[in-house]
C-alpha atoms as a PDB file:
ATOM      1  CA  MET A   1     142.885 118.487  61.173  1.00  0.00           C
ATOM      2  CA  ASN A   2     139.639 116.958  60.546  1.00  0.00           C
ATOM      3  CA  SER A   3     137.578 119.858  61.885  1.00  0.00           C
ATOM      4  CA  ILE A   4     134.845 121.423  59.572  1.00  0.00           C
ATOM      5  CA  LEU A   5     136.941 124.623  59.123  1.00  0.00           C
ATOM      6  CA  ASP A   6     139.798 122.447  57.674  1.00  0.00           C
ATOM      7  CA  ARG A   7     137.570 121.211  54.581  1.00  0.00           C
ATOM      8  CA  PRO A   8     136.351 124.000  52.561  1.00  0.00           C
ATOM      9  CA  ASN A   9     133.433 122.168  50.539  1.00  0.00           C
ATOM     10  CA  ALA A  10     131.819 120.271  53.789  1.00  0.00           C
ATOM     11  CA  GLU A  11     128.336 121.473  54.798  1.00  0.00           C
ATOM     12  CA  PHE A  12     127.959 122.663  58.332  1.00  0.00           C
ATOM     13  CA  THR A  13     125.097 120.899  60.096  1.00  0.00           C
ATOM     14  CA  PRO A  14     124.253 122.542  63.742  1.00  0.00           C
ATOM     15  CA  PRO A  15     124.262 119.630  66.533  1.00  0.00           C
ATOM     16  CA  THR A  16     120.583 118.845  67.305  1.00  0.00           C
ATOM     17  CA  PRO A  17     119.271 119.463  70.629  1.00  0.00           C
ATOM     18  CA  LYS A  18     119.125 117.045  72.990  1.00  0.00           C
ATOM     19  CA  SER A  19     116.031 115.134  72.905  1.00  0.00           C
ATOM     20  CA  ASP A  20     113.494 114.391  75.821  1.00  0.00           C
ATOM     21  CA  TYR A  21     114.025 110.849  75.271  1.00  0.00           C
ATOM     22  CA  SER A  22     116.581 110.658  78.044  1.00  0.00           C
ATOM     23  CA  THR A  23     114.785 112.985  80.171  1.00  0.00           C
ATOM     24  CA  HIS A  24     111.349 110.705  80.116  1.00  0.00           C
ATOM     25  CA  CYS A  25     113.648 107.422  80.679  1.00  0.00           C
ATOM     26  CA  ARG A  26     115.305 109.120  83.389  1.00  0.00           C
ATOM     27  CA  LEU A  27     111.843 109.622  84.802  1.00  0.00           C
ATOM     28  CA  ILE A  28     110.191 106.515  83.565  1.00  0.00           C
ATOM     29  CA  ILE A  29     112.408 103.652  85.001  1.00  0.00           C
ATOM     30  CA  PRO A  30     112.192 104.998  88.730  1.00  0.00           C
ATOM     31  CA  LEU A  31     108.621 105.437  88.278  1.00  0.00           C
ATOM     32  CA  LEU A  32     108.167 101.641  87.037  1.00  0.00           C
ATOM     33  CA  CYS A  33     110.482 100.564  89.926  1.00  0.00           C
ATOM     34  CA  LEU A  34     107.977 102.211  92.256  1.00  0.00           C
ATOM     35  CA  LEU A  35     105.047 100.951  90.621  1.00  0.00           C
ATOM     36  CA  GLY A  36     106.331  97.258  90.843  1.00  0.00           C
ATOM     37  CA  LEU A  37     107.630  97.779  94.484  1.00  0.00           C
ATOM     38  CA  ALA A  38     103.660  99.082  95.272  1.00  0.00           C
ATOM     39  CA  GLY A  39     102.353  96.235  93.455  1.00  0.00           C
ATOM     40  CA  GLY A  40     104.604  93.752  95.207  1.00  0.00           C
ATOM     41  CA  GLY A  41     103.731  95.456  98.689  1.00  0.00           C
ATOM     42  CA  LEU A  42      99.871  95.632  97.864  1.00  0.00           C
ATOM     43  CA  ILE A  43     100.077  91.476  96.899  1.00  0.00           C
ATOM     44  CA  LEU A  44     102.314  91.118 100.074  1.00  0.00           C
ATOM     45  CA  PHE A  45      99.436  93.268 102.368  1.00  0.00           C
ATOM     46  CA  LEU A  46      96.857  91.300 100.754  1.00  0.00           C
ATOM     47  CA  PHE A  47      98.041  87.752 100.756  1.00  0.00           C
ATOM     48  CA  ASN A  48      99.546  86.223 104.125  1.00  0.00           C
ATOM     49  CA  PRO A  49     102.649  84.160 102.910  1.00  0.00           C
ATOM     50  CA  VAL A  50     101.755  81.471 105.832  1.00  0.00           C
ATOM     51  CA  GLN A  51      98.452  80.698 104.056  1.00  0.00           C
ATOM     52  CA  SER A  52      99.483  81.336 100.526  1.00  0.00           C
ATOM     53  CA  ASP A  53     101.421  78.786  98.362  1.00  0.00           C
ATOM     54  CA  PHE A  54     102.062  80.994  95.460  1.00  0.00           C
ATOM     55  CA  TYR A  55     105.165  82.684  97.285  1.00  0.00           C
ATOM     56  CA  PRO A  56     108.595  81.279  96.462  1.00  0.00           C
ATOM     57  CA  PHE A  57     110.121  78.987  98.973  1.00  0.00           C
ATOM     58  CA  CYS A  58     113.721  78.894 100.169  1.00  0.00           C
ATOM     59  CA  PHE A  59     115.744  76.480  98.507  1.00  0.00           C
ATOM     60  CA  PHE A  60     118.485  76.417 101.200  1.00  0.00           C
ATOM     61  CA  HIS A  61     115.853  75.615 103.777  1.00  0.00           C
ATOM     62  CA  ARG A  62     113.983  73.192 101.780  1.00  0.00           C
ATOM     63  CA  ILE A  63     117.531  71.223 100.935  1.00  0.00           C
ATOM     64  CA  THR A  64     119.488  71.498 104.482  1.00  0.00           C
ATOM     65  CA  GLY A  65     116.767  72.112 106.719  1.00  0.00           C
ATOM     66  CA  LEU A  66     118.381  75.257 108.151  1.00  0.00           C
ATOM     67  CA  GLN A  67     117.430  78.946 108.290  1.00  0.00           C
ATOM     68  CA  CYS A  68     119.211  81.372 105.934  1.00  0.00           C
ATOM     69  CA  PRO A  69     119.571  84.744 107.055  1.00  0.00           C
ATOM     70  CA  GLY A  70     116.527  85.497 104.609  1.00  0.00           C
ATOM     71  CA  CYS A  71     114.088  83.061 105.702  1.00  0.00           C
ATOM     72  CA  GLY A  72     111.244  84.564 106.955  1.00  0.00           C
ATOM     73  CA  SER A  73     111.578  87.897 105.438  1.00  0.00           C
ATOM     74  CA  LEU A  74     108.145  87.611 103.479  1.00  0.00           C
ATOM     75  CA  ARG A  75     106.350  86.811 106.845  1.00  0.00           C
ATOM     76  CA  ALA A  76     107.990  89.601 108.429  1.00  0.00           C
ATOM     77  CA  MET A  77     107.254  92.168 105.852  1.00  0.00           C
ATOM     78  CA  HIS A  78     103.374  91.218 105.770  1.00  0.00           C
ATOM     79  CA  GLN A  79     103.426  91.865 109.665  1.00  0.00           C
ATOM     80  CA  LEU A  80     105.332  94.790 109.322  1.00  0.00           C
ATOM     81  CA  LEU A  81     102.813  96.032 106.436  1.00  0.00           C
ATOM     82  CA  HIS A  82     100.105  95.290 108.921  1.00  0.00           C
ATOM     83  CA  GLY A  83     101.534  97.277 111.821  1.00  0.00           C
ATOM     84  CA  ASN A  84     102.680  93.962 114.003  1.00  0.00           C
ATOM     85  CA  VAL A  85     106.216  94.948 114.564  1.00  0.00           C
ATOM     86  CA  GLY A  86     106.767  92.565 117.272  1.00  0.00           C
ATOM     87  CA  ALA A  87     105.667  89.487 114.905  1.00  0.00           C
ATOM     88  CA  ALA A  88     107.785  90.969 112.173  1.00  0.00           C
ATOM     89  CA  PHE A  89     110.843  91.155 114.553  1.00  0.00           C
ATOM     90  CA  HIS A  90     109.860  87.406 115.511  1.00  0.00           C
ATOM     91  CA  TYR A  91     110.019  86.246 112.026  1.00  0.00           C
ATOM     92  CA  ASN A  92     113.468  87.917 110.673  1.00  0.00           C
ATOM     93  CA  ALA A  93     114.886  90.219 113.250  1.00  0.00           C
ATOM     94  CA  LEU A  94     118.030  91.227 110.995  1.00  0.00           C
ATOM     95  CA  LEU A  95     115.623  92.401 108.303  1.00  0.00           C
ATOM     96  CA  ILE A  96     114.007  94.436 110.410  1.00  0.00           C
ATOM     97  CA  LEU A  97     116.428  96.200 112.069  1.00  0.00           C
ATOM     98  CA  SER A  98     118.227  96.642 108.566  1.00  0.00           C
ATOM     99  CA  LEU A  99     115.284  98.710 106.950  1.00  0.00           C
ATOM    100  CA  PRO A 100     116.313 102.011 108.413  1.00  0.00           C
ATOM    101  CA  LEU A 101     119.604 101.570 106.743  1.00  0.00           C
ATOM    102  CA  LEU A 102     118.117 100.749 103.436  1.00  0.00           C
ATOM    103  CA  LEU A 103     115.765 103.314 103.359  1.00  0.00           C
ATOM    104  CA  ALA A 104     118.232 106.105 104.551  1.00  0.00           C
ATOM    105  CA  GLN A 105     120.718 104.772 101.520  1.00  0.00           C
ATOM    106  CA  ALA A 106     117.655 105.016  99.407  1.00  0.00           C
ATOM    107  CA  VAL A 107     116.855 108.366 100.196  1.00  0.00           C
ATOM    108  CA  ARG A 108     120.438 109.508 100.262  1.00  0.00           C
ATOM    109  CA  ILE A 109     120.619 108.170  96.507  1.00  0.00           C
ATOM    110  CA  GLY A 110     117.324 109.552  95.572  1.00  0.00           C
ATOM    111  CA  ILE A 111     118.123 113.301  96.860  1.00  0.00           C
ATOM    112  CA  ALA A 112     121.381 113.104  95.103  1.00  0.00           C
ATOM    113  CA  LYS A 113     119.651 111.818  91.666  1.00  0.00           C
ATOM    114  CA  ALA A 114     117.268 114.734  92.205  1.00  0.00           C
ATOM    115  CA  THR A 115     119.708 117.450  92.688  1.00  0.00           C
ATOM    116  CA  HIS A 116     121.798 116.030  89.661  1.00  0.00           C
ATOM    117  CA  GLN A 117     124.670 115.118  91.709  1.00  0.00           C
ATOM    118  CA  PRO A 118     126.941 111.828  91.368  1.00  0.00           C
ATOM    119  CA  ALA A 119     124.668 109.097  93.278  1.00  0.00           C
ATOM    120  CA  ARG A 120     127.601 107.676  95.507  1.00  0.00           C
ATOM    121  CA  GLY A 121     126.065 104.038  96.087  1.00  0.00           C
ATOM    122  CA  ALA A 122     129.352 103.010  97.020  1.00  0.00           C
ATOM    123  CA  PHE A 123     130.049 101.468 100.643  1.00  0.00           C
ATOM    124  CA  ASN A 124     133.271 101.390 102.290  1.00  0.00           C
ATOM    125  CA  PRO A 125     134.798  98.100 102.079  1.00  0.00           C
ATOM    126  CA  ALA A 126     134.997  97.586 105.728  1.00  0.00           C
ATOM    127  CA  TRP A 127     131.239  98.141 106.129  1.00  0.00           C
ATOM    128  CA  LEU A 128     130.609  95.666 103.535  1.00  0.00           C
ATOM    129  CA  TRP A 129     132.615  93.042 105.341  1.00  0.00           C
ATOM    130  CA  ALA A 130     131.069  93.719 108.659  1.00  0.00           C
ATOM    131  CA  GLY A 131     127.724  93.319 107.030  1.00  0.00           C
ATOM    132  CA  MET A 132     128.500  89.970 105.840  1.00  0.00           C
ATOM    133  CA  ALA A 133     129.866  89.258 109.209  1.00  0.00           C
ATOM    134  CA  VAL A 134     126.668  90.103 110.751  1.00  0.00           C
ATOM    135  CA  LEU A 135     124.940  87.688 108.067  1.00  0.00           C
ATOM    136  CA  ILE A 136     126.782  85.179 108.849  1.00  0.00           C
ATOM    137  CA  LEU A 137     126.672  85.217 112.706  1.00  0.00           C
ATOM    138  CA  PHE A 138     122.923  85.638 112.432  1.00  0.00           C
ATOM    139  CA  ALA A 139     122.656  82.501 110.028  1.00  0.00           C
ATOM    140  CA  ILE A 140     124.715  80.567 112.817  1.00  0.00           C
ATOM    141  CA  LEU A 141     122.911  81.610 115.758  1.00  0.00           C
ATOM    142  CA  ARG A 142     119.363  80.957 114.846  1.00  0.00           C
ATOM    143  CA  ASN A 143     120.190  77.558 113.645  1.00  0.00           C
ATOM    144  CA  LEU A 144     121.832  76.504 117.226  1.00  0.00           C
ATOM    145  CA  PRO A 145     120.177  73.935 118.908  1.00  0.00           C
ATOM    146  CA  PHE A 146     120.397  76.093 122.279  1.00  0.00           C
ATOM    147  CA  HIS A 147     117.403  77.547 123.417  1.00  0.00           C
ATOM    148  CA  ALA A 148     119.327  80.898 124.231  1.00  0.00           C
ATOM    149  CA  PHE A 149     118.880  82.006 120.696  1.00  0.00           C
ATOM    150  CA  ALA A 150     115.721  80.333 119.642  1.00  0.00           C
ATOM    151  CA  TRP A 151     113.936  83.901 119.166  1.00  0.00           C
ATOM    152  CA  LEU A 152     115.905  84.503 116.289  1.00  0.00           C
ATOM    153  CA  ALA A 153     114.320  81.665 114.302  1.00  0.00           C
ATOM    154  CA  PRO A 154     110.927  82.080 112.664  1.00  0.00           C
END
């Protein structure tokens, strides 16, 4: 009983139209992310991680001496940006093999956002567990002392 019709002396104020602020935020945030990604890619293209000291180091590798699943990723992306797929694969094979899957997921979410559909970014838990198992297996295999898996170490 709290509607405007139940209060005879209340003034009616029409609802304000939806502002363009939310529309601008919806456009600005992805553009800023793309700009940051392009800037990071340009820096990675211009400065080789092997020769530059300003890139972050792997704490896990520094503490344990073992290669984590992400070790070699910057070097791999640098080589990939220069078109050296073989060298990129040598530095981090798992990253290079997962890039098409990540790109497909990003395109799927982008299309959903562009068509104003709900972006279903959720994964099936079985796929997440399988991905975790692949990461752990990759980390174990690249640190084995056998020469059979030496090609997995950067």
